[in-house]
Amino acid sequence: MMLKGKTALITGSTSGIGLGIAKAFAARGANVILNGFGDAKEIAALRGSIATENGVQVRYDGADLSRQDQIERMMATALTEFGAIDILVNNAGIQYVAPVDEFPVDKWNAIIAINLSASFHTVRLA
């Protein structure tokens, strides 16, 4: 319980590596804020099981990390609810592979927004 009373926000944490990171922090006593996309019922079940198994608070915020306004709202809500974000893991990311002359501009913009700008904004606002 070395992280008891701390709060961890992990982006891209409704599945995969991000979910594993969130569970690891919860197992060590940290309250956890999940972020990502997925089925609402499955996410609610995840929240419940992580909270019950570890005796911590688990929240979910479905902020779209390609949108600065949603990142700002997510961070403000987390700070209001928990008082601080002690641990921030910028795990969310997307990829697309194509030759540069065939690479869609909208895909490029989404990659930059989620993989780069979202990390900047979450760190700036934490």
N, C-alpha and C. Protein backbone atom coordinates (compact mmCIF):
# COMPACT_ATOMS: atom_id res chain seq x y z
N MET A 1 0.81 -1.21 0.00
CA MET A 1 0.00 0.00 0.00
C MET A 1 0.85 1.26 0.00
N MET A 2 1.98 1.21 -0.68
CA MET A 2 2.89 2.35 -0.67
C MET A 2 2.35 3.57 -1.40
N LEU A 3 1.27 3.43 -2.17
CA LEU A 3 0.69 4.56 -2.89
C LEU A 3 -0.65 4.98 -2.30
N LYS A 4 -0.97 4.52 -1.11
CA LYS A 4 -2.25 4.84 -0.47
C LYS A 4 -2.44 6.35 -0.40
N GLY A 5 -3.59 6.80 -0.85
CA GLY A 5 -3.91 8.21 -0.83
C GLY A 5 -3.43 8.99 -2.04
N LYS A 6 -2.66 8.36 -2.90
CA LYS A 6 -2.20 9.02 -4.13
C LYS A 6 -3.23 8.77 -5.23
N THR A 7 -3.19 9.59 -6.26
CA THR A 7 -4.11 9.44 -7.39
C THR A 7 -3.32 9.32 -8.68
N ALA A 8 -3.68 8.30 -9.47
CA ALA A 8 -3.03 8.05 -10.75
C ALA A 8 -4.04 8.20 -11.88
N LEU A 9 -3.72 9.00 -12.87
CA LEU A 9 -4.53 9.12 -14.07
C LEU A 9 -3.74 8.47 -15.20
N ILE A 10 -4.37 7.48 -15.83
CA ILE A 10 -3.72 6.75 -16.91
C ILE A 10 -4.56 6.90 -18.16
N THR A 11 -4.02 7.52 -19.20
CA THR A 11 -4.76 7.63 -20.44
C THR A 11 -4.64 6.30 -21.20
N GLY A 12 -5.64 6.02 -22.01
CA GLY A 12 -5.62 4.77 -22.76
C GLY A 12 -5.63 3.56 -21.84
N SER A 13 -6.46 3.61 -20.80
CA SER A 13 -6.39 2.57 -19.76
C SER A 13 -7.63 1.70 -19.65
N THR A 14 -8.44 1.66 -20.68
CA THR A 14 -9.61 0.78 -20.61
C THR A 14 -9.31 -0.62 -21.16
N SER A 15 -8.09 -0.82 -21.64
CA SER A 15 -7.69 -2.14 -22.12
C SER A 15 -6.16 -2.19 -22.23
N GLY A 16 -5.65 -3.36 -22.48
CA GLY A 16 -4.23 -3.54 -22.80
C GLY A 16 -3.27 -3.09 -21.73
N ILE A 17 -2.15 -2.53 -22.18
CA ILE A 17 -1.08 -2.12 -21.27
C ILE A 17 -1.57 -1.06 -20.28
N GLY A 18 -2.35 -0.10 -20.75
CA GLY A 18 -2.85 0.95 -19.86
C GLY A 18 -3.69 0.39 -18.73
N LEU A 19 -4.54 -0.59 -19.03
CA LEU A 19 -5.35 -1.23 -18.00
C LEU A 19 -4.44 -1.96 -17.01
N GLY A 20 -3.44 -2.64 -17.51
CA GLY A 20 -2.49 -3.32 -16.64
C GLY A 20 -1.78 -2.35 -15.71
N ILE A 21 -1.40 -1.20 -16.21
CA ILE A 21 -0.76 -0.17 -15.39
C ILE A 21 -1.73 0.33 -14.32
N ALA A 22 -2.97 0.59 -14.72
CA ALA A 22 -3.98 1.06 -13.76
C ALA A 22 -4.19 0.03 -12.65
N LYS A 23 -4.28 -1.24 -13.02
CA LYS A 23 -4.46 -2.29 -12.00
C LYS A 23 -3.25 -2.37 -11.07
N ALA A 24 -2.06 -2.19 -11.60
CA ALA A 24 -0.85 -2.24 -10.77
C ALA A 24 -0.84 -1.09 -9.76
N PHE A 25 -1.20 0.11 -10.19
CA PHE A 25 -1.26 1.23 -9.25
C PHE A 25 -2.33 0.99 -8.20
N ALA A 26 -3.49 0.50 -8.61
CA ALA A 26 -4.57 0.22 -7.65
C ALA A 26 -4.14 -0.83 -6.63
N ALA A 27 -3.42 -1.85 -7.08
CA ALA A 27 -2.96 -2.90 -6.18
C ALA A 27 -2.00 -2.36 -5.13
N ARG A 28 -1.38 -1.22 -5.42
CA ARG A 28 -0.46 -0.60 -4.47
C ARG A 28 -1.11 0.54 -3.70
N GLY A 29 -2.45 0.64 -3.82
CA GLY A 29 -3.20 1.58 -3.00
C GLY A 29 -3.57 2.89 -3.62
N ALA A 30 -3.20 3.14 -4.87
CA ALA A 30 -3.53 4.42 -5.50
C ALA A 30 -4.97 4.44 -6.00
N ASN A 31 -5.61 5.58 -5.85
CA ASN A 31 -6.88 5.80 -6.53
C ASN A 31 -6.56 5.95 -8.01
N VAL A 32 -7.48 5.51 -8.86
CA VAL A 32 -7.18 5.45 -10.29
C VAL A 32 -8.27 6.15 -11.10
N ILE A 33 -7.83 6.90 -12.09
CA ILE A 33 -8.74 7.48 -13.08
C ILE A 33 -8.42 6.81 -14.40
N LEU A 34 -9.40 6.08 -14.92
CA LEU A 34 -9.28 5.41 -16.21
C LEU A 34 -9.71 6.37 -17.31
N ASN A 35 -9.10 6.23 -18.46
CA ASN A 35 -9.49 7.03 -19.62
C ASN A 35 -9.32 6.16 -20.86
N GLY A 36 -10.28 6.25 -21.75
CA GLY A 36 -10.19 5.51 -23.00
C GLY A 36 -11.58 5.29 -23.56
N PHE A 37 -11.61 4.49 -24.60
CA PHE A 37 -12.88 4.17 -25.24
C PHE A 37 -13.25 2.74 -24.93
N GLY A 38 -14.53 2.43 -25.08
CA GLY A 38 -14.98 1.07 -24.87
C GLY A 38 -16.45 1.03 -24.52
N ASP A 39 -16.93 -0.17 -24.29
CA ASP A 39 -18.32 -0.40 -23.93
C ASP A 39 -18.57 0.10 -22.51
N ALA A 40 -19.60 0.93 -22.34
CA ALA A 40 -19.88 1.54 -21.04
C ALA A 40 -20.10 0.51 -19.94
N LYS A 41 -20.81 -0.57 -20.25
CA LYS A 41 -21.06 -1.60 -19.23
C LYS A 41 -19.77 -2.31 -18.84
N GLU A 42 -18.91 -2.58 -19.82
CA GLU A 42 -17.64 -3.24 -19.52
C GLU A 42 -16.73 -2.33 -18.69
N ILE A 43 -16.74 -1.06 -19.00
CA ILE A 43 -15.92 -0.11 -18.24
C ILE A 43 -16.45 0.01 -16.82
N ALA A 44 -17.76 0.06 -16.66
CA ALA A 44 -18.34 0.12 -15.32
C ALA A 44 -17.97 -1.13 -14.51
N ALA A 45 -18.00 -2.28 -15.16
CA ALA A 45 -17.62 -3.53 -14.48
C ALA A 45 -16.14 -3.49 -14.08
N LEU A 46 -15.29 -2.99 -14.97
CA LEU A 46 -13.86 -2.85 -14.67
C LEU A 46 -13.64 -1.96 -13.46
N ARG A 47 -14.30 -0.82 -13.47
CA ARG A 47 -14.18 0.11 -12.35
C ARG A 47 -14.55 -0.57 -11.04
N GLY A 48 -15.68 -1.26 -11.07
CA GLY A 48 -16.15 -1.93 -9.87
C GLY A 48 -15.20 -3.00 -9.38
N SER A 49 -14.71 -3.80 -10.29
CA SER A 49 -13.82 -4.90 -9.87
C SER A 49 -12.49 -4.38 -9.35
N ILE A 50 -11.92 -3.37 -10.00
CA ILE A 50 -10.65 -2.81 -9.53
C ILE A 50 -10.84 -2.17 -8.15
N ALA A 51 -11.92 -1.43 -7.98
CA ALA A 51 -12.18 -0.78 -6.70
C ALA A 51 -12.39 -1.80 -5.59
N THR A 52 -13.20 -2.81 -5.85
CA THR A 52 -13.51 -3.82 -4.85
C THR A 52 -12.28 -4.64 -4.48
N GLU A 53 -11.53 -5.07 -5.46
CA GLU A 53 -10.35 -5.90 -5.22
C GLU A 53 -9.25 -5.17 -4.46
N ASN A 54 -9.20 -3.84 -4.59
CA ASN A 54 -8.07 -3.09 -4.03
C ASN A 54 -8.44 -2.06 -2.97
N GLY A 55 -9.74 -1.85 -2.75
CA GLY A 55 -10.16 -0.89 -1.74
C GLY A 55 -9.77 0.54 -2.07
N VAL A 56 -9.83 0.89 -3.36
CA VAL A 56 -9.47 2.24 -3.81
C VAL A 56 -10.64 2.83 -4.59
N GLN A 57 -10.55 4.11 -4.85
CA GLN A 57 -11.54 4.77 -5.70
C GLN A 57 -11.10 4.64 -7.16
N VAL A 58 -12.04 4.31 -8.01
CA VAL A 58 -11.74 4.19 -9.44
C VAL A 58 -12.79 4.99 -10.20
N ARG A 59 -12.32 5.94 -10.94
CA ARG A 59 -13.20 6.78 -11.76
C ARG A 59 -12.88 6.54 -13.22
N TYR A 60 -13.83 6.93 -14.07
CA TYR A 60 -13.63 6.82 -15.52
C TYR A 60 -13.96 8.15 -16.15
N ASP A 61 -13.14 8.57 -17.09
CA ASP A 61 -13.41 9.76 -17.88
C ASP A 61 -13.16 9.42 -19.34
N GLY A 62 -14.18 9.54 -20.14
CA GLY A 62 -14.09 9.19 -21.55
C GLY A 62 -13.63 10.31 -22.45
N ALA A 63 -12.86 11.25 -21.92
CA ALA A 63 -12.38 12.38 -22.72
C ALA A 63 -11.72 11.91 -24.01
N ASP A 64 -12.08 12.55 -25.10
CA ASP A 64 -11.46 12.30 -26.39
C ASP A 64 -10.15 13.09 -26.42
N LEU A 65 -9.03 12.40 -26.38
CA LEU A 65 -7.74 13.06 -26.26
C LEU A 65 -7.29 13.79 -27.52
N SER A 66 -8.08 13.73 -28.56
CA SER A 66 -7.78 14.54 -29.74
C SER A 66 -8.38 15.94 -29.61
N ARG A 67 -9.10 16.17 -28.50
CA ARG A 67 -9.77 17.46 -28.30
C ARG A 67 -9.27 18.14 -27.03
N GLN A 68 -8.64 19.26 -27.19
CA GLN A 68 -8.07 19.99 -26.06
C GLN A 68 -9.12 20.33 -25.01
N ASP A 69 -10.33 20.72 -25.43
CA ASP A 69 -11.36 21.09 -24.47
C ASP A 69 -11.75 19.90 -23.58
N GLN A 70 -11.76 18.70 -24.14
CA GLN A 70 -12.10 17.53 -23.35
C GLN A 70 -10.96 17.15 -22.40
N ILE A 71 -9.73 17.34 -22.83
CA ILE A 71 -8.58 17.10 -21.95
C ILE A 71 -8.64 18.08 -20.77
N GLU A 72 -8.89 19.33 -21.06
CA GLU A 72 -8.97 20.34 -20.01
C GLU A 72 -10.08 20.02 -19.02
N ARG A 73 -11.23 19.57 -19.50
CA ARG A 73 -12.33 19.20 -18.61
C ARG A 73 -11.94 18.00 -17.75
N MET A 74 -11.34 16.97 -18.38
CA MET A 74 -10.94 15.77 -17.65
C MET A 74 -9.96 16.11 -16.52
N MET A 75 -8.98 16.92 -16.83
CA MET A 75 -7.97 17.28 -15.83
C MET A 75 -8.58 18.11 -14.71
N ALA A 76 -9.44 19.06 -15.06
CA ALA A 76 -10.09 19.89 -14.04
C ALA A 76 -10.96 19.05 -13.12
N THR A 77 -11.70 18.10 -13.71
CA THR A 77 -12.57 17.22 -12.92
C THR A 77 -11.73 16.37 -11.97
N ALA A 78 -10.64 15.83 -12.47
CA ALA A 78 -9.76 14.99 -11.64
C ALA A 78 -9.19 15.80 -10.48
N LEU A 79 -8.74 17.00 -10.76
CA LEU A 79 -8.15 17.84 -9.72
C LEU A 79 -9.20 18.26 -8.68
N THR A 80 -10.41 18.55 -9.14
CA THR A 80 -11.48 18.91 -8.22
C THR A 80 -11.85 17.73 -7.33
N GLU A 81 -11.96 16.56 -7.93
CA GLU A 81 -12.40 15.39 -7.18
C GLU A 81 -11.34 14.85 -6.24
N PHE A 82 -10.09 14.82 -6.68
CA PHE A 82 -9.03 14.19 -5.87
C PHE A 82 -8.05 15.18 -5.25
N GLY A 83 -8.08 16.43 -5.66
CA GLY A 83 -7.18 17.42 -5.10
C GLY A 83 -5.83 17.50 -5.78
N ALA A 84 -5.38 16.39 -6.36
CA ALA A 84 -4.09 16.35 -7.04
C ALA A 84 -4.04 15.13 -7.94
N ILE A 85 -3.24 15.23 -8.98
CA ILE A 85 -2.90 14.06 -9.79
C ILE A 85 -1.43 13.80 -9.47
N ASP A 86 -1.19 12.78 -8.66
CA ASP A 86 0.16 12.48 -8.20
C ASP A 86 0.96 11.71 -9.24
N ILE A 87 0.26 10.93 -10.04
CA ILE A 87 0.90 10.09 -11.04
C ILE A 87 0.13 10.26 -12.35
N LEU A 88 0.84 10.57 -13.41
CA LEU A 88 0.23 10.72 -14.72
C LEU A 88 0.96 9.81 -15.70
N VAL A 89 0.21 8.91 -16.31
CA VAL A 89 0.79 8.02 -17.33
C VAL A 89 0.10 8.32 -18.64
N ASN A 90 0.85 8.89 -19.57
CA ASN A 90 0.33 9.18 -20.91
C ASN A 90 0.53 7.95 -21.78
N ASN A 91 -0.43 7.05 -21.71
CA ASN A 91 -0.33 5.76 -22.39
C ASN A 91 -1.10 5.72 -23.71
N ALA A 92 -2.08 6.59 -23.87
CA ALA A 92 -2.92 6.56 -25.07
C ALA A 92 -2.08 6.83 -26.31
N GLY A 93 -2.39 6.13 -27.36
CA GLY A 93 -1.70 6.36 -28.62
C GLY A 93 -2.37 5.61 -29.76
N ILE A 94 -2.21 6.15 -30.94
CA ILE A 94 -2.74 5.50 -32.13
C ILE A 94 -1.64 5.43 -33.18
N GLN A 95 -1.86 4.60 -34.18
CA GLN A 95 -0.90 4.52 -35.28
C GLN A 95 -1.62 4.25 -36.59
N TYR A 96 -0.94 4.56 -37.63
CA TYR A 96 -1.41 4.29 -38.98
C TYR A 96 -0.15 4.16 -39.83
N VAL A 97 -0.14 3.19 -40.70
CA VAL A 97 1.05 2.95 -41.50
C VAL A 97 0.69 3.06 -42.99
N ALA A 98 1.46 3.88 -43.68
CA ALA A 98 1.29 4.05 -45.12
C ALA A 98 2.50 4.80 -45.65
N PRO A 99 2.79 4.63 -46.92
CA PRO A 99 3.85 5.45 -47.52
C PRO A 99 3.47 6.93 -47.39
N VAL A 100 4.45 7.78 -47.21
CA VAL A 100 4.18 9.18 -46.96
C VAL A 100 3.33 9.82 -48.07
N ASP A 101 3.54 9.42 -49.30
CA ASP A 101 2.76 10.02 -50.38
C ASP A 101 1.31 9.51 -50.43
N GLU A 102 0.99 8.52 -49.61
CA GLU A 102 -0.37 8.00 -49.53
C GLU A 102 -0.98 8.21 -48.15
N PHE A 103 -0.23 8.84 -47.26
CA PHE A 103 -0.65 8.99 -45.87
C PHE A 103 -1.74 10.07 -45.78
N PRO A 104 -2.94 9.71 -45.31
CA PRO A 104 -4.03 10.69 -45.22
C PRO A 104 -3.71 11.78 -44.17
N VAL A 105 -3.93 13.01 -44.54
CA VAL A 105 -3.64 14.12 -43.65
C VAL A 105 -4.47 14.03 -42.36
N ASP A 106 -5.71 13.58 -42.46
CA ASP A 106 -6.54 13.48 -41.25
C ASP A 106 -5.97 12.45 -40.27
N LYS A 107 -5.38 11.38 -40.78
CA LYS A 107 -4.73 10.38 -39.92
C LYS A 107 -3.51 10.99 -39.25
N TRP A 108 -2.70 11.73 -40.01
CA TRP A 108 -1.54 12.40 -39.45
C TRP A 108 -1.95 13.34 -38.32
N ASN A 109 -2.97 14.16 -38.56
CA ASN A 109 -3.43 15.11 -37.56
C ASN A 109 -3.93 14.40 -36.30
N ALA A 110 -4.61 13.28 -36.47
CA ALA A 110 -5.09 12.52 -35.30
C ALA A 110 -3.92 11.95 -34.51
N ILE A 111 -2.93 11.43 -35.19
CA ILE A 111 -1.74 10.88 -34.53
C ILE A 111 -1.03 11.97 -33.72
N ILE A 112 -0.84 13.12 -34.30
CA ILE A 112 -0.18 14.22 -33.60
C ILE A 112 -1.02 14.66 -32.40
N ALA A 113 -2.32 14.77 -32.59
CA ALA A 113 -3.20 15.22 -31.50
C ALA A 113 -3.16 14.26 -30.32
N ILE A 114 -3.27 12.96 -30.59
CA ILE A 114 -3.36 11.98 -29.50
C ILE A 114 -1.98 11.61 -28.95
N ASN A 115 -1.04 11.35 -29.81
CA ASN A 115 0.27 10.87 -29.36
C ASN A 115 1.18 11.98 -28.83
N LEU A 116 0.96 13.20 -29.27
CA LEU A 116 1.86 14.29 -28.89
C LEU A 116 1.14 15.39 -28.11
N SER A 117 0.16 16.00 -28.72
CA SER A 117 -0.50 17.15 -28.07
C SER A 117 -1.22 16.75 -26.79
N ALA A 118 -1.86 15.61 -26.76
CA ALA A 118 -2.57 15.18 -25.54
C ALA A 118 -1.61 15.06 -24.37
N SER A 119 -0.43 14.50 -24.61
CA SER A 119 0.56 14.38 -23.53
C SER A 119 1.00 15.76 -23.05
N PHE A 120 1.22 16.67 -23.96
CA PHE A 120 1.58 18.04 -23.59
C PHE A 120 0.51 18.65 -22.69
N HIS A 121 -0.75 18.54 -23.11
CA HIS A 121 -1.84 19.17 -22.35
C HIS A 121 -2.04 18.53 -20.99
N THR A 122 -1.96 17.20 -20.90
CA THR A 122 -2.16 16.57 -19.59
C THR A 122 -1.03 16.95 -18.62
N VAL A 123 0.20 16.96 -19.10
CA VAL A 123 1.32 17.36 -18.24
C VAL A 123 1.18 18.83 -17.83
N ARG A 124 0.83 19.66 -18.78
CA ARG A 124 0.67 21.10 -18.51
C ARG A 124 -0.39 21.35 -17.45
N LEU A 125 -1.45 20.55 -17.46
CA LEU A 125 -2.58 20.79 -16.58
C LEU A 125 -2.53 20.00 -15.27
N ALA A 126 -1.61 19.07 -15.17
CA ALA A 126 -1.52 18.27 -13.95
C ALA A 126 -0.94 19.12 -12.84
